[in-house]
Amino acid sequence: MSQAFQALRALRLLRVIKLARSWTKLQDILAKTVKSMGDVSNFSVLLGLFMYIMALLGMEMFANRVRYTLDDTVVANVT
């Protein structure tokens, strides 16, 4: 029974949509936020790609250089 009430509480968030329809400044803010999300998503994709490439480069450059035991102590520093 309490889950049903929690679901109804979640629907109270829809009041913001009703408010946005009547409040023109809020409409402008929401429109600009949605418009900027495209630029943010493009940047996020490029940042993720850059981080992935740098991780691969780091794994290639430093593979098997330092080995650790299970308690994080250095076993061998192979150069």
PDB file of N, CA and C in Angstrom:
ATOM      1  N   MET A   1       0.823  -1.191   0.000  1.00  0.00           N
ATOM      2  CA  MET A   1       0.000   0.000   0.000  1.00  0.00           C
ATOM      3  C   MET A   1       0.870   1.259   0.000  1.00  0.00           C
ATOM      4  N   SER A   2       1.969   1.230   0.746  1.00  0.00           N
ATOM      5  CA  SER A   2       2.816   2.418   0.808  1.00  0.00           C
ATOM      6  C   SER A   2       3.514   2.668  -0.525  1.00  0.00           C
ATOM      7  N   GLN A   3       3.745   1.607  -1.300  1.00  0.00           N
ATOM      8  CA  GLN A   3       4.365   1.791  -2.611  1.00  0.00           C
ATOM      9  C   GLN A   3       3.442   2.549  -3.553  1.00  0.00           C
ATOM     10  N   ALA A   4       2.155   2.328  -3.418  1.00  0.00           N
ATOM     11  CA  ALA A   4       1.200   3.047  -4.253  1.00  0.00           C
ATOM     12  C   ALA A   4       1.225   4.538  -3.920  1.00  0.00           C
ATOM     13  N   PHE A   5       1.347   4.859  -2.654  1.00  0.00           N
ATOM     14  CA  PHE A   5       1.428   6.260  -2.261  1.00  0.00           C
ATOM     15  C   PHE A   5       2.724   6.900  -2.737  1.00  0.00           C
ATOM     16  N   GLN A   6       3.800   6.133  -2.723  1.00  0.00           N
ATOM     17  CA  GLN A   6       5.072   6.657  -3.212  1.00  0.00           C
ATOM     18  C   GLN A   6       4.999   6.926  -4.713  1.00  0.00           C
ATOM     19  N   ALA A   7       4.281   6.076  -5.441  1.00  0.00           N
ATOM     20  CA  ALA A   7       4.108   6.301  -6.873  1.00  0.00           C
ATOM     21  C   ALA A   7       3.300   7.569  -7.110  1.00  0.00           C
ATOM     22  N   LEU A   8       2.300   7.795  -6.290  1.00  0.00           N
ATOM     23  CA  LEU A   8       1.507   9.012  -6.427  1.00  0.00           C
ATOM     24  C   LEU A   8       2.336  10.244  -6.080  1.00  0.00           C
ATOM     25  N   ARG A   9       3.233  10.119  -5.119  1.00  0.00           N
ATOM     26  CA  ARG A   9       4.106  11.238  -4.785  1.00  0.00           C
ATOM     27  C   ARG A   9       5.033  11.568  -5.945  1.00  0.00           C
ATOM     28  N   ALA A  10       5.464  10.535  -6.657  1.00  0.00           N
ATOM     29  CA  ALA A  10       6.328  10.755  -7.816  1.00  0.00           C
ATOM     30  C   ALA A  10       5.583  11.523  -8.906  1.00  0.00           C
ATOM     31  N   LEU A  11       4.291  11.306  -9.006  1.00  0.00           N
ATOM     32  CA  LEU A  11       3.505  12.019 -10.007  1.00  0.00           C
ATOM     33  C   LEU A  11       3.364  13.501  -9.682  1.00  0.00           C
ATOM     34  N   ARG A  12       3.647  13.878  -8.437  1.00  0.00           N
ATOM     35  CA  ARG A  12       3.576  15.289  -8.066  1.00  0.00           C
ATOM     36  C   ARG A  12       4.628  16.103  -8.809  1.00  0.00           C
ATOM     37  N   LEU A  13       5.647  15.434  -9.304  1.00  0.00           N
ATOM     38  CA  LEU A  13       6.660  16.130 -10.086  1.00  0.00           C
ATOM     39  C   LEU A  13       6.084  16.676 -11.395  1.00  0.00           C
ATOM     40  N   LEU A  14       4.980  16.105 -11.822  1.00  0.00           N
ATOM     41  CA  LEU A  14       4.348  16.582 -13.052  1.00  0.00           C
ATOM     42  C   LEU A  14       3.774  17.987 -12.892  1.00  0.00           C
ATOM     43  N   ARG A  15       3.667  18.447 -11.660  1.00  0.00           N
ATOM     44  CA  ARG A  15       3.190  19.807 -11.434  1.00  0.00           C
ATOM     45  C   ARG A  15       4.136  20.832 -12.043  1.00  0.00           C
ATOM     46  N   VAL A  16       5.400  20.483 -12.126  1.00  0.00           N
ATOM     47  CA  VAL A  16       6.380  21.395 -12.722  1.00  0.00           C
ATOM     48  C   VAL A  16       6.034  21.639 -14.189  1.00  0.00           C
ATOM     49  N   ILE A  17       5.554  20.618 -14.862  1.00  0.00           N
ATOM     50  CA  ILE A  17       5.161  20.780 -16.268  1.00  0.00           C
ATOM     51  C   ILE A  17       3.975  21.730 -16.382  1.00  0.00           C
ATOM     52  N   LYS A  18       3.021  21.588 -15.491  1.00  0.00           N
ATOM     53  CA  LYS A  18       1.882  22.511 -15.510  1.00  0.00           C
ATOM     54  C   LYS A  18       2.347  23.933 -15.235  1.00  0.00           C
ATOM     55  N   LEU A  19       3.307  24.066 -14.327  1.00  0.00           N
ATOM     56  CA  LEU A  19       3.827  25.388 -13.997  1.00  0.00           C
ATOM     57  C   LEU A  19       4.584  25.978 -15.183  1.00  0.00           C
ATOM     58  N   ALA A  20       5.311  25.137 -15.900  1.00  0.00           N
ATOM     59  CA  ALA A  20       6.086  25.612 -17.046  1.00  0.00           C
ATOM     60  C   ALA A  20       5.182  26.132 -18.159  1.00  0.00           C
ATOM     61  N   ARG A  21       4.021  25.570 -18.294  1.00  0.00           N
ATOM     62  CA  ARG A  21       3.104  26.035 -19.332  1.00  0.00           C
ATOM     63  C   ARG A  21       2.596  27.444 -19.060  1.00  0.00           C
ATOM     64  N   SER A  22       2.421  27.760 -17.801  1.00  0.00           N
ATOM     65  CA  SER A  22       1.861  29.066 -17.477  1.00  0.00           C
ATOM     66  C   SER A  22       2.928  30.120 -17.210  1.00  0.00           C
ATOM     67  N   TRP A  23       4.145  29.725 -16.932  1.00  0.00           N
ATOM     68  CA  TRP A  23       5.209  30.649 -16.570  1.00  0.00           C
ATOM     69  C   TRP A  23       6.175  30.764 -17.737  1.00  0.00           C
ATOM     70  N   THR A  24       6.122  31.888 -18.451  1.00  0.00           N
ATOM     71  CA  THR A  24       6.877  32.023 -19.698  1.00  0.00           C
ATOM     72  C   THR A  24       8.379  32.087 -19.469  1.00  0.00           C
ATOM     73  N   LYS A  25       8.815  32.686 -18.390  1.00  0.00           N
ATOM     74  CA  LYS A  25      10.264  32.739 -18.116  1.00  0.00           C
ATOM     75  C   LYS A  25      10.810  31.348 -17.848  1.00  0.00           C
ATOM     76  N   LEU A  26      10.028  30.514 -17.175  1.00  0.00           N
ATOM     77  CA  LEU A  26      10.451  29.142 -16.941  1.00  0.00           C
ATOM     78  C   LEU A  26      10.509  28.370 -18.256  1.00  0.00           C
ATOM     79  N   GLN A  27       9.596  28.673 -19.172  1.00  0.00           N
ATOM     80  CA  GLN A  27       9.650  28.047 -20.499  1.00  0.00           C
ATOM     81  C   GLN A  27      10.937  28.398 -21.208  1.00  0.00           C
ATOM     82  N   ASP A  28      11.356  29.663 -21.125  1.00  0.00           N
ATOM     83  CA  ASP A  28      12.607  30.086 -21.748  1.00  0.00           C
ATOM     84  C   ASP A  28      13.807  29.362 -21.133  1.00  0.00           C
ATOM     85  N   ILE A  29      13.807  29.255 -19.817  1.00  0.00           N
ATOM     86  CA  ILE A  29      14.916  28.581 -19.136  1.00  0.00           C
ATOM     87  C   ILE A  29      14.976  27.115 -19.539  1.00  0.00           C
ATOM     88  N   LEU A  30      13.829  26.448 -19.559  1.00  0.00           N
ATOM     89  CA  LEU A  30      13.804  25.040 -19.935  1.00  0.00           C
ATOM     90  C   LEU A  30      14.205  24.844 -21.387  1.00  0.00           C
ATOM     91  N   ALA A  31      13.781  25.732 -22.268  1.00  0.00           N
ATOM     92  CA  ALA A  31      14.154  25.617 -23.676  1.00  0.00           C
ATOM     93  C   ALA A  31      15.659  25.790 -23.859  1.00  0.00           C
ATOM     94  N   LYS A  32      16.248  26.737 -23.163  1.00  0.00           N
ATOM     95  CA  LYS A  32      17.697  26.943 -23.264  1.00  0.00           C
ATOM     96  C   LYS A  32      18.468  25.777 -22.661  1.00  0.00           C
ATOM     97  N   THR A  33      17.930  25.207 -21.592  1.00  0.00           N
ATOM     98  CA  THR A  33      18.582  24.050 -20.979  1.00  0.00           C
ATOM     99  C   THR A  33      18.575  22.861 -21.929  1.00  0.00           C
ATOM    100  N   VAL A  34      17.445  22.613 -22.561  1.00  0.00           N
ATOM    101  CA  VAL A  34      17.354  21.504 -23.512  1.00  0.00           C
ATOM    102  C   VAL A  34      18.259  21.755 -24.710  1.00  0.00           C
ATOM    103  N   LYS A  35      18.325  22.988 -25.175  1.00  0.00           N
ATOM    104  CA  LYS A  35      19.179  23.317 -26.314  1.00  0.00           C
ATOM    105  C   LYS A  35      20.651  23.115 -25.981  1.00  0.00           C
ATOM    106  N   SER A  36      21.049  23.463 -24.764  1.00  0.00           N
ATOM    107  CA  SER A  36      22.454  23.314 -24.373  1.00  0.00           C
ATOM    108  C   SER A  36      22.823  21.858 -24.113  1.00  0.00           C
ATOM    109  N   MET A  37      21.845  21.000 -23.859  1.00  0.00           N
ATOM    110  CA  MET A  37      22.143  19.592 -23.626  1.00  0.00           C
ATOM    111  C   MET A  37      22.767  18.939 -24.859  1.00  0.00           C
ATOM    112  N   GLY A  38      22.442  19.407 -26.044  1.00  0.00           N
ATOM    113  CA  GLY A  38      23.063  18.877 -27.253  1.00  0.00           C
ATOM    114  C   GLY A  38      24.549  19.144 -27.274  1.00  0.00           C
ATOM    115  N   ASP A  39      24.940  20.367 -26.920  1.00  0.00           N
ATOM    116  CA  ASP A  39      26.357  20.701 -26.875  1.00  0.00           C
ATOM    117  C   ASP A  39      27.073  19.928 -25.776  1.00  0.00           C
ATOM    118  N   VAL A  40      26.422  19.780 -24.646  1.00  0.00           N
ATOM    119  CA  VAL A  40      27.021  19.041 -23.537  1.00  0.00           C
ATOM    120  C   VAL A  40      27.191  17.568 -23.916  1.00  0.00           C
ATOM    121  N   SER A  41      26.229  17.007 -24.610  1.00  0.00           N
ATOM    122  CA  SER A  41      26.333  15.598 -25.002  1.00  0.00           C
ATOM    123  C   SER A  41      27.460  15.397 -26.011  1.00  0.00           C
ATOM    124  N   ASN A  42      27.627  16.339 -26.941  1.00  0.00           N
ATOM    125  CA  ASN A  42      28.744  16.226 -27.888  1.00  0.00           C
ATOM    126  C   ASN A  42      30.077  16.278 -27.150  1.00  0.00           C
ATOM    127  N   PHE A  43      30.200  17.196 -26.207  1.00  0.00           N
ATOM    128  CA  PHE A  43      31.426  17.292 -25.424  1.00  0.00           C
ATOM    129  C   PHE A  43      31.657  16.027 -24.614  1.00  0.00           C
ATOM    130  N   SER A  44      30.598  15.464 -24.054  1.00  0.00           N
ATOM    131  CA  SER A  44      30.733  14.242 -23.248  1.00  0.00           C
ATOM    132  C   SER A  44      31.222  13.073 -24.087  1.00  0.00           C
ATOM    133  N   VAL A  45      30.725  12.960 -25.304  1.00  0.00           N
ATOM    134  CA  VAL A  45      31.179  11.888 -26.189  1.00  0.00           C
ATOM    135  C   VAL A  45      32.651  12.068 -26.523  1.00  0.00           C
ATOM    136  N   LEU A  46      33.061  13.281 -26.849  1.00  0.00           N
ATOM    137  CA  LEU A  46      34.466  13.525 -27.157  1.00  0.00           C
ATOM    138  C   LEU A  46      35.359  13.294 -25.941  1.00  0.00           C
ATOM    139  N   LEU A  47      34.913  13.708 -24.763  1.00  0.00           N
ATOM    140  CA  LEU A  47      35.687  13.490 -23.550  1.00  0.00           C
ATOM    141  C   LEU A  47      35.822  12.001 -23.248  1.00  0.00           C
ATOM    142  N   GLY A  48      34.751  11.262 -23.397  1.00  0.00           N
ATOM    143  CA  GLY A  48      34.799   9.815 -23.178  1.00  0.00           C
ATOM    144  C   GLY A  48      35.730   9.121 -24.153  1.00  0.00           C
ATOM    145  N   LEU A  49      35.690   9.529 -25.418  1.00  0.00           N
ATOM    146  CA  LEU A  49      36.582   8.959 -26.418  1.00  0.00           C
ATOM    147  C   LEU A  49      38.038   9.274 -26.098  1.00  0.00           C
ATOM    148  N   PHE A  50      38.318  10.503 -25.688  1.00  0.00           N
ATOM    149  CA  PHE A  50      39.669  10.898 -25.313  1.00  0.00           C
ATOM    150  C   PHE A  50      40.159  10.087 -24.112  1.00  0.00           C
ATOM    151  N   MET A  51      39.312   9.921 -23.106  1.00  0.00           N
ATOM    152  CA  MET A  51      39.709   9.149 -21.923  1.00  0.00           C
ATOM    153  C   MET A  51      39.958   7.687 -22.276  1.00  0.00           C
ATOM    154  N   TYR A  52      39.163   7.131 -23.156  1.00  0.00           N
ATOM    155  CA  TYR A  52      39.339   5.741 -23.580  1.00  0.00           C
ATOM    156  C   TYR A  52      40.663   5.571 -24.313  1.00  0.00           C
ATOM    157  N   ILE A  53      40.968   6.487 -25.216  1.00  0.00           N
ATOM    158  CA  ILE A  53      42.213   6.401 -25.973  1.00  0.00           C
ATOM    159  C   ILE A  53      43.415   6.566 -25.042  1.00  0.00           C
ATOM    160  N   MET A  54      43.333   7.502 -24.092  1.00  0.00           N
ATOM    161  CA  MET A  54      44.444   7.690 -23.153  1.00  0.00           C
ATOM    162  C   MET A  54      44.616   6.475 -22.244  1.00  0.00           C
ATOM    163  N   ALA A  55      43.522   5.816 -21.871  1.00  0.00           N
ATOM    164  CA  ALA A  55      43.615   4.602 -21.060  1.00  0.00           C
ATOM    165  C   ALA A  55      44.294   3.485 -21.844  1.00  0.00           C
ATOM    166  N   LEU A  56      43.936   3.345 -23.108  1.00  0.00           N
ATOM    167  CA  LEU A  56      44.594   2.336 -23.942  1.00  0.00           C
ATOM    168  C   LEU A  56      46.073   2.643 -24.116  1.00  0.00           C
ATOM    169  N   LEU A  57      46.398   3.904 -24.320  1.00  0.00           N
ATOM    170  CA  LEU A  57      47.797   4.304 -24.460  1.00  0.00           C
ATOM    171  C   LEU A  57      48.574   4.031 -23.175  1.00  0.00           C
ATOM    172  N   GLY A  58      47.992   4.345 -22.043  1.00  0.00           N
ATOM    173  CA  GLY A  58      48.646   4.076 -20.768  1.00  0.00           C
ATOM    174  C   GLY A  58      48.849   2.599 -20.522  1.00  0.00           C
ATOM    175  N   MET A  59      47.852   1.777 -20.872  1.00  0.00           N
ATOM    176  CA  MET A  59      48.003   0.330 -20.712  1.00  0.00           C
ATOM    177  C   MET A  59      49.095  -0.209 -21.624  1.00  0.00           C
ATOM    178  N   GLU A  60      49.209   0.343 -22.805  1.00  0.00           N
ATOM    179  CA  GLU A  60      50.237  -0.102 -23.743  1.00  0.00           C
ATOM    180  C   GLU A  60      51.624   0.313 -23.272  1.00  0.00           C
ATOM    181  N   MET A  61      51.741   1.510 -22.759  1.00  0.00           N
ATOM    182  CA  MET A  61      53.054   2.015 -22.355  1.00  0.00           C
ATOM    183  C   MET A  61      53.542   1.415 -21.042  1.00  0.00           C
ATOM    184  N   PHE A  62      52.659   1.160 -20.099  1.00  0.00           N
ATOM    185  CA  PHE A  62      53.070   0.758 -18.766  1.00  0.00           C
ATOM    186  C   PHE A  62      52.687  -0.673 -18.415  1.00  0.00           C
ATOM    187  N   ALA A  63      52.357  -1.487 -19.399  1.00  0.00           N
ATOM    188  CA  ALA A  63      51.991  -2.875 -19.130  1.00  0.00           C
ATOM    189  C   ALA A  63      53.202  -3.636 -18.606  1.00  0.00           C
ATOM    190  N   ASN A  64      53.019  -4.377 -17.544  1.00  0.00           N
ATOM    191  CA  ASN A  64      54.031  -5.237 -16.919  1.00  0.00           C
ATOM    192  C   ASN A  64      55.247  -4.467 -16.414  1.00  0.00           C
ATOM    193  N   ARG A  65      55.127  -3.194 -16.165  1.00  0.00           N
ATOM    194  CA  ARG A  65      56.249  -2.433 -15.605  1.00  0.00           C
ATOM    195  C   ARG A  65      56.318  -2.593 -14.093  1.00  0.00           C
ATOM    196  N   VAL A  66      55.152  -2.586 -13.448  1.00  0.00           N
ATOM    197  CA  VAL A  66      55.089  -2.719 -11.997  1.00  0.00           C
ATOM    198  C   VAL A  66      54.056  -3.785 -11.678  1.00  0.00           C
ATOM    199  N   ARG A  67      54.435  -4.696 -10.782  1.00  0.00           N
ATOM    200  CA  ARG A  67      53.502  -5.743 -10.374  1.00  0.00           C
ATOM    201  C   ARG A  67      53.239  -5.610  -8.880  1.00  0.00           C
ATOM    202  N   TYR A  68      52.007  -5.893  -8.491  1.00  0.00           N
ATOM    203  CA  TYR A  68      51.581  -5.760  -7.091  1.00  0.00           C
ATOM    204  C   TYR A  68      51.084  -7.096  -6.564  1.00  0.00           C
ATOM    205  N   THR A  69      51.192  -7.277  -5.254  1.00  0.00           N
ATOM    206  CA  THR A  69      50.582  -8.431  -4.602  1.00  0.00           C
ATOM    207  C   THR A  69      49.153  -8.069  -4.228  1.00  0.00           C
ATOM    208  N   LEU A  70      48.484  -8.999  -3.566  1.00  0.00           N
ATOM    209  CA  LEU A  70      47.093  -8.748  -3.189  1.00  0.00           C
ATOM    210  C   LEU A  70      46.952  -7.658  -2.141  1.00  0.00           C
ATOM    211  N   ASP A  71      48.015  -7.441  -1.339  1.00  0.00           N
ATOM    212  CA  ASP A  71      47.944  -6.389  -0.320  1.00  0.00           C
ATOM    213  C   ASP A  71      48.595  -5.085  -0.802  1.00  0.00           C
ATOM    214  N   ASP A  72      48.695  -4.898  -2.097  1.00  0.00           N
ATOM    215  CA  ASP A  72      49.160  -3.669  -2.757  1.00  0.00           C
ATOM    216  C   ASP A  72      50.610  -3.302  -2.442  1.00  0.00           C
ATOM    217  N   THR A  73      51.447  -4.307  -2.273  1.00  0.00           N
ATOM    218  CA  THR A  73      52.880  -4.010  -2.154  1.00  0.00           C
ATOM    219  C   THR A  73      53.547  -4.346  -3.486  1.00  0.00           C
ATOM    220  N   VAL A  74      54.580  -3.594  -3.824  1.00  0.00           N
ATOM    221  CA  VAL A  74      55.256  -3.772  -5.111  1.00  0.00           C
ATOM    222  C   VAL A  74      56.121  -5.011  -5.042  1.00  0.00           C
ATOM    223  N   VAL A  75      55.947  -5.928  -6.005  1.00  0.00           N
ATOM    224  CA  VAL A  75      56.742  -7.146  -6.069  1.00  0.00           C
ATOM    225  C   VAL A  75      57.955  -6.928  -6.928  1.00  0.00           C
ATOM    226  N   ALA A  76      57.761  -6.405  -8.127  1.00  0.00           N
ATOM    227  CA  ALA A  76      58.890  -6.220  -9.037  1.00  0.00           C
ATOM    228  C   ALA A  76      58.670  -4.953  -9.832  1.00  0.00           C
ATOM    229  N   ASN A  77      59.726  -4.238 -10.045  1.00  0.00           N
ATOM    230  CA  ASN A  77      59.703  -3.059 -10.876  1.00  0.00           C
ATOM    231  C   ASN A  77      60.517  -3.389 -12.124  1.00  0.00           C
ATOM    232  N   VAL A  78      59.866  -3.961 -13.107  1.00  0.00           N
ATOM    233  CA  VAL A  78      60.532  -4.417 -14.322  1.00  0.00           C
ATOM    234  C   VAL A  78      60.651  -3.258 -15.288  1.00  0.00           C
ATOM    235  N   THR A  79      61.874  -3.006 -15.755  1.00  0.00           N
ATOM    236  CA  THR A  79      62.063  -1.906 -16.723  1.00  0.00           C
ATOM    237  C   THR A  79      62.633  -2.396 -18.019  1.00  0.00           C
TER     238      THR A  79
END
